[in-house]
């Protein structure tokens, strides 16, 4: 006589559903990287559809166009969410300093460590530029030299700090009569700092305003969370379009330059940061495993600001930095802490331009490169790209701005690594400062990673389990 099957428990009933879930977020991004490279190579082999007889512009094939549209749509979504995100996050983070003992000391130590790591990074960039000689060992030709459409100077940088309006919106008229809108992150940052300090000065009277700000910030972060979940698909488009558009030709002509940049980025990420962590009694392995989700997303999105919610999440939950301090340090770092874009990249690039045009740089010039890297890093504030920082460095040294045109061909490929290092530094500094100030949750930092890399909230944690 057969016995009846045992009743299925709630836990057993959930097991099949768990086995059928999608791959983890990190795995999805890695798959997107592989698929992007494959589709990019296929698109490049397909060639162009033709050349416009009137304009001489190459018409991309349907696959290249599709990849470009997917990638640009993701970046556009990030750009759309950045203005409210930066303003609300900075205001809320400054207000949160009221809850931190010794807030002023923490703020200054954070800025000091930003400067220390930037100096180390720019020194590495200068040494690599002198050793590898990228400007002397290149096949790029002088006819590629051209000034960029957007440049930076100290006057522009200083005047750009003055907000033109509340949201830092700028309007530009196109040749066809159209009007395009853009935003200045620096101006938004200045406005947010002013509002944040005002809330501290007002005290309890500002509490209703802060309630609204924190509520709006949660809403904006939720929308950004939905955008971030598109990152695996965006990876296919961004990387695929880069491979299809640039291939190995441009990379080959600038091979020594690209190698110098990525060697510098690797030294900062895998040597400098680990040494600083170890010297402050922090596990290197725990930092890598904790910060990796943010570093990975930064590589794909090429946006420090777009990655900011993930950076803050891993800094708090994986690295044990108190939320009251992390909510100040991470947003500030996302707009000013740029070891990749503002230190390694402009140092090597400036040396490349000088070598290419046969110009000698003296000791004072190298000091100026270091000065610009530390003081002017906020000039790179934005979603993607570091052209403004590069032109700021070149103009400070008196080097030809036409040299920027020599390097733009592979800029998207380099920007991935630069942004990853930027975000890595934005997790390292808060962890070190928190450790030195005795406010780090060491148990959280040293905790065994249970497969949960990071999460936006409890309800959606299963979506991104690593």
Protein backbone atom coordinates (compact mmCIF):
# COMPACT_ATOMS: atom_id res chain seq x y z
CA UNK A 1 0.00 0.00 0.00
CA UNK A 2 1.61 3.23 -1.16
CA UNK A 3 1.83 6.11 1.20
CA UNK A 4 0.64 9.56 0.28
CA UNK A 5 3.34 12.03 -0.72
CA UNK A 6 4.55 14.29 2.02
CA UNK A 7 3.03 17.74 1.99
CA UNK A 8 5.15 20.43 0.39
CA UNK A 9 6.38 23.00 2.85
CA UNK A 10 6.53 26.67 2.07
CA UNK A 11 10.30 26.50 1.89
CA UNK A 12 10.22 23.55 -0.51
CA UNK A 13 7.64 25.26 -2.66
CA UNK A 14 9.90 28.28 -3.05
CA UNK A 15 12.94 26.21 -4.04
CA UNK A 16 11.99 25.62 -7.70
CA UNK A 17 11.21 29.30 -8.15
CA UNK A 18 14.64 30.22 -6.84
CA UNK A 19 16.33 27.79 -9.21
CA UNK A 20 14.54 29.40 -12.14
CA UNK A 21 15.62 32.94 -11.33
CA UNK A 22 17.75 34.95 -13.74
CA UNK A 23 21.55 35.02 -13.44
CA UNK A 24 22.91 37.51 -10.93
CA UNK A 25 23.32 41.15 -11.91
CA UNK A 26 27.10 40.80 -12.06
CA UNK A 27 26.85 37.73 -14.28
CA UNK A 28 24.43 39.55 -16.57
CA UNK A 29 26.91 42.42 -16.96
CA UNK A 30 29.75 40.01 -17.76
CA UNK A 31 27.58 38.27 -20.35
CA UNK A 32 26.78 41.69 -21.79
CA UNK A 33 30.50 42.45 -22.08
CA UNK A 34 31.14 39.24 -24.01
CA UNK A 35 28.10 39.66 -26.25
CA UNK A 36 29.00 43.30 -26.89
CA UNK A 37 32.49 42.41 -28.09
CA UNK A 38 31.14 39.63 -30.33
CA UNK A 39 28.42 41.78 -31.88
CA UNK A 40 30.86 44.68 -32.26
CA UNK A 41 33.27 42.50 -34.20
CA UNK A 42 30.42 41.20 -36.37
CA UNK A 43 29.22 44.75 -37.04
CA UNK A 44 32.73 45.83 -37.98
CA UNK A 45 33.10 42.93 -40.41
CA UNK A 46 29.80 43.90 -42.05
CA UNK A 47 31.30 47.26 -42.99
CA UNK A 48 29.49 50.53 -43.62
CA UNK A 49 26.33 50.87 -45.71
CA UNK A 50 27.94 53.62 -47.74
CA UNK A 51 29.13 57.21 -47.67
CA UNK A 52 26.90 60.26 -48.06
CA UNK A 53 27.95 61.91 -51.31
CA UNK A 54 27.22 65.44 -50.05
CA UNK A 55 28.59 65.37 -46.52
CA UNK A 56 31.10 62.54 -46.76
CA UNK A 57 29.69 61.03 -43.57
CA UNK A 58 29.90 57.24 -43.35
CA UNK A 59 26.53 55.54 -42.98
CA UNK A 60 26.82 52.78 -40.36
CA UNK A 61 25.21 49.41 -40.97
CA UNK A 62 22.01 48.43 -39.17
CA UNK A 63 23.80 46.46 -36.45
CA UNK A 64 26.19 49.29 -35.59
CA UNK A 65 23.28 51.72 -35.55
CA UNK A 66 21.31 49.45 -33.23
CA UNK A 67 24.22 49.06 -30.82
CA UNK A 68 24.82 52.81 -30.82
CA UNK A 69 21.14 53.51 -30.12
CA UNK A 70 21.03 51.07 -27.20
CA UNK A 71 24.15 52.53 -25.62
CA UNK A 72 23.25 56.18 -26.17
CA UNK A 73 19.75 55.64 -24.76
CA UNK A 74 21.21 54.33 -21.51
CA UNK A 75 23.60 57.29 -21.22
CA UNK A 76 20.75 59.71 -22.00
CA UNK A 77 18.67 58.19 -19.21
CA UNK A 78 21.57 58.65 -16.81
CA UNK A 79 22.00 62.26 -17.89
CA UNK A 80 18.31 62.92 -17.30
CA UNK A 81 18.42 61.70 -13.70
CA UNK A 82 21.75 63.33 -12.74
CA UNK A 83 20.60 66.95 -11.96
CA UNK A 84 18.00 66.08 -9.30
CA UNK A 85 20.17 63.25 -7.98
CA UNK A 86 23.22 65.46 -7.39
CA UNK A 87 21.25 68.32 -5.84
CA UNK A 88 19.18 66.17 -3.49
CA UNK A 89 22.06 63.87 -2.50
CA UNK A 90 24.45 66.72 -1.66
CA UNK A 91 21.83 68.69 0.32
CA UNK A 92 20.83 65.58 2.27
CA UNK A 93 24.44 64.52 2.88
CA UNK A 94 25.47 67.91 4.27
CA UNK A 95 22.39 67.96 6.49
CA UNK A 96 23.29 64.48 7.74
CA UNK A 97 26.57 65.84 9.10
CA UNK A 98 24.58 67.18 12.05
CA UNK A 99 24.33 63.58 13.23
CA UNK A 100 28.07 62.96 13.02
CA UNK A 101 30.40 63.71 15.90
CA UNK A 102 33.34 65.80 14.68
CA UNK A 103 31.72 66.41 11.28
CA UNK A 104 34.11 69.22 10.34
CA UNK A 105 37.12 67.02 11.08
CA UNK A 106 35.66 64.19 8.99
CA UNK A 107 35.02 66.56 6.08
CA UNK A 108 38.55 67.93 6.09
CA UNK A 109 40.13 64.48 6.43
CA UNK A 110 38.04 63.26 3.52
CA UNK A 111 39.25 66.12 1.34
CA UNK A 112 42.82 65.52 2.53
CA UNK A 113 42.71 61.85 1.50
CA UNK A 114 41.14 62.83 -1.81
CA UNK A 115 44.18 65.04 -2.38
CA UNK A 116 46.70 62.43 -1.19
CA UNK A 117 45.40 59.71 -3.52
CA UNK A 118 45.17 62.20 -6.41
CA UNK A 119 48.82 63.19 -5.91
CA UNK A 120 49.92 59.57 -5.89
CA UNK A 121 47.91 58.86 -9.05
CA UNK A 122 49.23 61.87 -10.95
CA UNK A 123 52.81 61.01 -9.95
CA UNK A 124 52.31 57.52 -11.38
CA UNK A 125 50.91 59.05 -14.58
CA UNK A 126 53.91 61.37 -14.97
CA UNK A 127 56.43 58.54 -14.43
CA UNK A 128 54.66 56.28 -16.94
CA UNK A 129 54.50 59.08 -19.50
CA UNK A 130 58.24 59.66 -19.21
CA UNK A 131 59.12 55.95 -19.27
CA UNK A 132 56.80 54.70 -22.03
CA UNK A 133 57.10 57.85 -24.19
CA UNK A 134 53.63 57.45 -25.77
CA UNK A 135 53.91 60.61 -27.89
CA UNK A 136 57.18 59.51 -29.44
CA UNK A 137 56.02 55.93 -30.08
CA UNK A 138 52.82 56.43 -32.02
CA UNK A 139 51.60 55.98 -35.57
CA UNK A 140 48.94 58.68 -35.28
CA UNK A 141 49.36 61.43 -37.87
CA UNK A 142 49.28 65.19 -37.44
CA UNK A 143 46.24 65.56 -39.70
CA UNK A 144 44.14 64.10 -36.87
CA UNK A 145 44.99 67.06 -34.64
CA UNK A 146 41.97 69.25 -33.92
CA UNK A 147 40.70 71.38 -31.07
CA UNK A 148 37.69 69.86 -29.27
CA UNK A 149 34.32 71.57 -29.42
CA UNK A 150 34.35 71.85 -25.63
CA UNK A 151 37.41 73.17 -23.83
CA UNK A 152 38.29 74.19 -20.32
CA UNK A 153 40.32 77.01 -18.81
CA UNK A 154 40.73 78.37 -15.31
CA UNK A 155 38.59 81.40 -16.15
CA UNK A 156 35.87 79.15 -17.55
CA UNK A 157 36.18 76.89 -14.52
CA UNK A 158 35.86 79.75 -12.02
CA UNK A 159 33.07 81.57 -13.85
CA UNK A 160 31.34 78.25 -14.36
CA UNK A 161 31.00 77.89 -10.60
CA UNK A 162 28.49 80.76 -10.56
CA UNK A 163 25.02 79.25 -11.11
CA UNK A 164 23.17 80.69 -14.09
CA UNK A 165 19.90 79.39 -12.68
CA UNK A 166 18.58 77.10 -9.98
CA UNK A 167 19.21 73.84 -11.85
CA UNK A 168 22.34 74.86 -13.75
CA UNK A 169 20.50 74.43 -17.06
CA UNK A 170 22.20 75.80 -20.16
CA UNK A 171 20.52 76.34 -23.51
CA UNK A 172 22.31 76.23 -26.85
CA UNK A 173 20.90 77.10 -30.26
CA UNK A 174 21.64 74.69 -33.08
CA UNK A 175 22.36 75.64 -36.67
CA UNK A 176 18.97 74.32 -37.74
CA UNK A 177 17.15 76.61 -35.33
CA UNK A 178 16.68 73.94 -32.67
CA UNK A 179 17.48 74.56 -29.02
CA UNK A 180 19.22 71.94 -26.92
CA UNK A 181 19.38 71.93 -23.14
CA UNK A 182 22.29 70.73 -21.01
CA UNK A 183 23.27 71.08 -17.37
CA UNK A 184 26.37 72.13 -15.48
CA UNK A 185 27.06 69.71 -12.64
CA UNK A 186 29.47 72.17 -11.01
CA UNK A 187 26.74 74.79 -10.77
CA UNK A 188 24.32 72.23 -9.35
CA UNK A 189 27.01 71.24 -6.84
CA UNK A 190 27.51 74.86 -5.73
CA UNK A 191 23.76 75.37 -5.31
CA UNK A 192 23.42 72.13 -3.37
CA UNK A 193 26.30 72.99 -1.02
CA UNK A 194 24.76 76.42 -0.38
CA UNK A 195 21.38 74.90 0.41
CA UNK A 196 22.96 72.19 2.57
CA UNK A 197 24.94 74.68 4.65
CA UNK A 198 21.83 76.86 4.98
CA UNK A 199 19.90 73.92 6.46
CA UNK A 200 22.66 73.46 9.04
CA UNK A 201 22.56 77.14 9.96
CA UNK A 202 18.75 77.29 10.22
CA UNK A 203 18.52 74.20 12.40
CA UNK A 204 15.13 72.80 13.35
CA UNK A 205 13.26 75.25 11.10
CA UNK A 206 14.75 73.47 8.06
CA UNK A 207 13.41 70.07 9.12
CA UNK A 208 10.24 70.20 6.93
CA UNK A 209 12.42 71.07 3.92
CA UNK A 210 14.77 68.18 4.68
CA UNK A 211 11.84 65.77 4.97
CA UNK A 212 10.83 66.72 1.43
CA UNK A 213 14.43 66.48 0.17
CA UNK A 214 14.96 63.01 1.65
CA UNK A 215 11.64 61.80 0.31
CA UNK A 216 12.40 63.12 -3.19
CA UNK A 217 15.87 61.57 -3.01
CA UNK A 218 14.35 58.15 -2.34
CA UNK A 219 12.03 58.58 -5.33
CA UNK A 220 14.89 59.66 -7.62
CA UNK A 221 17.07 56.77 -6.42
CA UNK A 222 14.25 54.34 -7.14
CA UNK A 223 13.99 55.63 -10.72
CA UNK A 224 17.78 55.43 -11.06
CA UNK A 225 17.61 51.88 -9.73
CA UNK A 226 15.33 50.95 -12.63
CA UNK A 227 17.81 52.54 -15.06
CA UNK A 228 20.71 50.65 -13.47
CA UNK A 229 18.89 47.36 -14.04
CA UNK A 230 19.21 48.09 -17.77
CA UNK A 231 23.01 48.08 -17.47
CA UNK A 232 23.51 44.52 -18.83
CA UNK A 233 21.62 45.43 -22.01
CA UNK A 234 23.37 48.80 -22.19
CA UNK A 235 26.71 47.00 -21.90
CA UNK A 236 26.03 45.19 -25.15
CA UNK A 237 25.31 48.48 -26.92
CA UNK A 238 28.09 50.59 -25.40
CA UNK A 239 30.91 48.09 -25.80
CA UNK A 240 29.60 46.73 -29.11
CA UNK A 241 29.42 50.19 -30.64
CA UNK A 242 32.93 51.02 -29.38
CA UNK A 243 34.36 47.87 -30.99
CA UNK A 244 32.39 48.38 -34.22
CA UNK A 245 33.32 52.06 -34.50
CA UNK A 246 36.95 52.03 -33.43
CA UNK A 247 38.04 48.41 -33.84
CA UNK A 248 41.74 47.77 -33.46
CA UNK A 249 42.89 50.30 -36.05
CA UNK A 250 42.67 53.40 -33.89
CA UNK A 251 43.77 51.45 -30.84
CA UNK A 252 46.80 50.18 -32.77
CA UNK A 253 47.97 53.66 -33.78
CA UNK A 254 47.66 54.80 -30.16
CA UNK A 255 48.79 51.51 -28.67
CA UNK A 256 51.58 52.78 -26.42
CA UNK A 257 49.34 55.61 -25.18
CA UNK A 258 46.47 53.25 -24.34
CA UNK A 259 48.87 50.83 -22.66
CA UNK A 260 50.33 53.64 -20.54
CA UNK A 261 46.84 54.75 -19.43
CA UNK A 262 45.70 51.26 -18.48
CA UNK A 263 48.99 50.39 -16.74
CA UNK A 264 48.56 53.53 -14.65
CA UNK A 265 44.94 52.70 -13.86
CA UNK A 266 45.92 49.12 -12.93
CA UNK A 267 48.69 50.32 -10.61
CA UNK A 268 46.30 52.63 -8.77
CA UNK A 269 43.54 50.02 -8.54
CA UNK A 270 45.61 46.94 -7.73
CA UNK A 271 48.65 48.41 -5.95
CA UNK A 272 48.07 51.90 -4.51
CA UNK A 273 44.61 51.35 -3.06
CA UNK A 274 45.48 47.92 -1.57
CA UNK A 275 48.67 49.33 0.01
CA UNK A 276 46.70 52.21 1.57
CA UNK A 277 44.05 49.82 2.85
CA UNK A 278 46.60 47.38 4.28
CA UNK A 279 48.57 50.15 5.95
CA UNK A 280 45.36 51.17 7.73
CA UNK A 281 44.61 47.64 8.92
CA UNK A 282 41.92 46.82 6.34
CA UNK A 283 41.63 43.58 4.38
CA UNK A 284 42.34 43.97 0.68
CA UNK A 285 40.24 40.93 -0.25
CA UNK A 286 37.24 42.22 1.71
CA UNK A 287 37.47 45.60 0.02
CA UNK A 288 37.60 44.12 -3.48
CA UNK A 289 34.71 41.75 -2.85
CA UNK A 290 32.67 44.52 -1.24
CA UNK A 291 33.36 47.32 -3.73
CA UNK A 292 33.41 45.23 -6.92
CA UNK A 293 29.70 45.68 -7.83
CA UNK A 294 30.15 49.47 -7.99
CA UNK A 295 33.47 49.21 -9.85
CA UNK A 296 31.92 46.86 -12.38
CA UNK A 297 28.91 49.10 -13.02
CA UNK A 298 31.18 52.14 -13.35
CA UNK A 299 33.21 50.38 -16.04
CA UNK A 300 30.05 49.70 -18.03
CA UNK A 301 28.19 52.98 -17.53
CA UNK A 302 31.23 55.31 -17.67
CA UNK A 303 29.44 57.44 -15.08
CA UNK A 304 30.60 58.09 -11.53
CA UNK A 305 27.41 59.97 -10.76
CA UNK A 306 25.17 57.33 -12.33
CA UNK A 307 26.92 54.69 -10.21
CA UNK A 308 26.65 56.78 -7.03
CA UNK A 309 23.71 54.95 -5.38
CA UNK A 310 25.49 51.61 -5.85
CA UNK A 311 28.76 53.11 -4.60
CA UNK A 312 27.05 54.40 -1.48
CA UNK A 313 25.26 51.08 -0.95
CA UNK A 314 28.43 48.97 -1.03
CA UNK A 315 30.32 51.55 1.06
CA UNK A 316 27.72 51.32 3.81
CA UNK A 317 26.62 47.68 3.70
CA UNK A 318 29.77 45.90 2.58
CA UNK A 319 32.53 48.16 3.88
CA UNK A 320 30.89 49.17 7.17
CA UNK A 321 31.08 52.95 6.75
CA UNK A 322 28.34 54.66 8.80
CA UNK A 323 25.48 55.94 6.65
CA UNK A 324 25.66 59.42 8.18
CA UNK A 325 29.25 59.76 6.94
CA UNK A 326 28.96 57.75 3.72
CA UNK A 327 26.02 59.86 2.58
CA UNK A 328 28.38 62.86 2.67
CA UNK A 329 31.63 61.35 1.41
CA UNK A 330 30.29 59.31 -1.53
CA UNK A 331 28.23 62.07 -3.25
CA UNK A 332 31.12 64.49 -2.76
CA UNK A 333 33.51 61.92 -4.21
CA UNK A 334 31.23 61.20 -7.16
CA UNK A 335 31.57 64.83 -8.27
CA UNK A 336 35.19 65.60 -7.28
CA UNK A 337 37.15 62.36 -6.65
CA UNK A 338 38.56 61.41 -10.06
CA UNK A 339 41.89 59.58 -9.82
CA UNK A 340 41.33 58.10 -13.28
CA UNK A 341 39.91 61.07 -15.20
CA UNK A 342 41.68 63.88 -13.36
CA UNK A 343 45.08 62.38 -12.47
CA UNK A 344 46.30 59.43 -14.54
CA UNK A 345 44.61 60.48 -17.78
CA UNK A 346 45.56 64.19 -18.04
CA UNK A 347 49.12 63.54 -16.84
CA UNK A 348 49.89 60.93 -19.50
CA UNK A 349 47.88 62.78 -22.14
CA UNK A 350 49.70 66.07 -21.55
CA UNK A 351 53.05 64.31 -21.83
CA UNK A 352 51.83 62.59 -25.02
CA UNK A 353 50.86 65.93 -26.61
CA UNK A 354 54.17 67.54 -25.61
CA UNK A 355 56.18 64.64 -27.03
CA UNK A 356 54.13 64.53 -30.24
CA UNK A 357 54.69 68.21 -30.97
CA UNK A 358 58.33 68.07 -29.87
CA UNK A 359 57.90 70.35 -26.85
CA UNK A 360 59.98 70.03 -23.69
CA UNK A 361 58.33 69.97 -20.28
CA UNK A 362 60.27 71.20 -17.27
CA UNK A 363 60.01 70.47 -13.57
CA UNK A 364 57.61 73.40 -13.11
CA UNK A 365 55.32 71.94 -15.78
CA UNK A 366 55.09 68.64 -13.91
CA UNK A 367 54.25 70.52 -10.72
CA UNK A 368 51.48 72.29 -12.64
CA UNK A 369 50.12 68.94 -13.83
CA UNK A 370 49.96 67.79 -10.20
CA UNK A 371 48.35 71.07 -9.13
CA UNK A 372 45.64 70.83 -11.79
CA UNK A 373 44.99 67.18 -10.89
CA UNK A 374 44.32 68.02 -7.23
CA UNK A 375 42.59 71.40 -7.53
CA UNK A 376 40.84 71.11 -10.86
CA UNK A 377 39.42 67.60 -10.58
CA UNK A 378 35.94 69.03 -10.02
CA UNK A 379 36.09 70.23 -13.62
CA UNK A 380 35.44 66.66 -14.72
CA UNK A 381 32.10 66.60 -12.90
CA UNK A 382 29.53 65.13 -15.25
CA UNK A 383 28.30 61.87 -16.65
CA UNK A 384 31.01 60.76 -19.06
CA UNK A 385 34.23 62.01 -20.52
CA UNK A 386 37.24 64.00 -19.27
CA UNK A 387 37.91 66.31 -22.22
CA UNK A 388 37.39 69.43 -20.10
CA UNK A 389 40.01 68.28 -17.58
CA UNK A 390 42.47 67.49 -20.37
CA UNK A 391 42.03 70.86 -22.07
CA UNK A 392 42.32 72.58 -18.69
CA UNK A 393 45.67 70.84 -18.17
CA UNK A 394 46.91 71.61 -21.69
CA UNK A 395 45.93 75.28 -21.49
CA UNK A 396 47.62 75.62 -18.08
CA UNK A 397 50.86 74.21 -19.55
CA UNK A 398 50.53 76.22 -22.77
CA UNK A 399 50.36 73.07 -24.92
CA UNK A 400 48.44 72.97 -28.23
CA UNK A 401 44.76 72.16 -27.70
CA UNK A 402 44.81 70.57 -31.15
CA UNK A 403 46.50 67.63 -29.45
CA UNK A 404 43.14 66.59 -27.99
CA UNK A 405 41.98 65.56 -31.45
CA UNK A 406 44.78 63.00 -31.60
CA UNK A 407 43.38 61.15 -28.60
CA UNK A 408 39.63 61.28 -29.08
CA UNK A 409 39.52 58.20 -31.32
CA UNK A 410 39.87 55.80 -28.40
CA UNK A 411 38.50 57.96 -25.58
CA UNK A 412 35.39 55.79 -24.94
CA UNK A 413 37.60 52.72 -24.50
CA UNK A 414 39.81 54.55 -22.01
CA UNK A 415 36.86 56.13 -20.23
CA UNK A 416 35.64 52.73 -19.05
CA UNK A 417 38.83 52.09 -17.09
CA UNK A 418 39.08 55.68 -15.87
CA UNK A 419 35.58 55.63 -14.41
CA UNK A 420 36.13 52.27 -12.72
CA UNK A 421 39.18 53.68 -10.92
CA UNK A 422 37.28 56.86 -10.02
CA UNK A 423 34.56 54.85 -8.29
CA UNK A 424 37.05 52.52 -6.60
CA UNK A 425 38.70 55.56 -5.03
CA UNK A 426 35.31 56.83 -3.91
CA UNK A 427 34.93 53.69 -1.76
CA UNK A 428 38.52 53.53 -0.51
CA UNK A 429 38.71 57.00 1.05
CA UNK A 430 35.54 56.75 3.21
CA UNK A 431 36.66 53.32 4.44
CA UNK A 432 40.11 54.61 5.40
CA UNK A 433 38.81 57.77 7.08
CA UNK A 434 36.15 55.82 8.97
CA UNK A 435 38.77 53.33 10.14
CA UNK A 436 41.17 56.03 11.30
CA UNK A 437 38.37 57.87 13.12
CA UNK A 438 37.19 54.70 14.86
CA UNK A 439 33.69 54.75 13.39
CA UNK A 440 34.04 51.86 10.92
CA UNK A 441 31.86 48.82 11.54
CA UNK A 442 34.71 46.31 11.43
CA UNK A 443 32.36 43.33 11.73
CA UNK A 444 30.47 44.42 8.61
CA UNK A 445 33.74 45.01 6.75
CA UNK A 446 35.14 41.59 7.71
CA UNK A 447 31.83 39.72 7.31
CA UNK A 448 31.76 36.71 5.03
CA UNK A 449 30.20 37.63 1.71
CA UNK A 450 27.05 35.53 1.53
CA UNK A 451 26.50 35.97 -2.18
CA UNK A 452 24.58 39.19 -1.63
CA UNK A 453 26.84 41.70 -3.30
CA UNK A 454 24.65 44.73 -2.81
CA UNK A 455 21.01 45.56 -2.81
CA UNK A 456 18.78 48.57 -3.29
CA UNK A 457 16.20 47.41 -0.76
CA UNK A 458 14.96 44.23 0.87
CA UNK A 459 12.10 43.70 -1.55
CA UNK A 460 14.37 43.58 -4.60
CA UNK A 461 17.45 41.98 -3.10
CA UNK A 462 16.97 38.71 -4.93
CA UNK A 463 17.29 40.49 -8.26
CA UNK A 464 20.93 41.32 -7.77
CA UNK A 465 22.22 38.45 -5.66
CA UNK A 466 25.75 37.78 -6.84
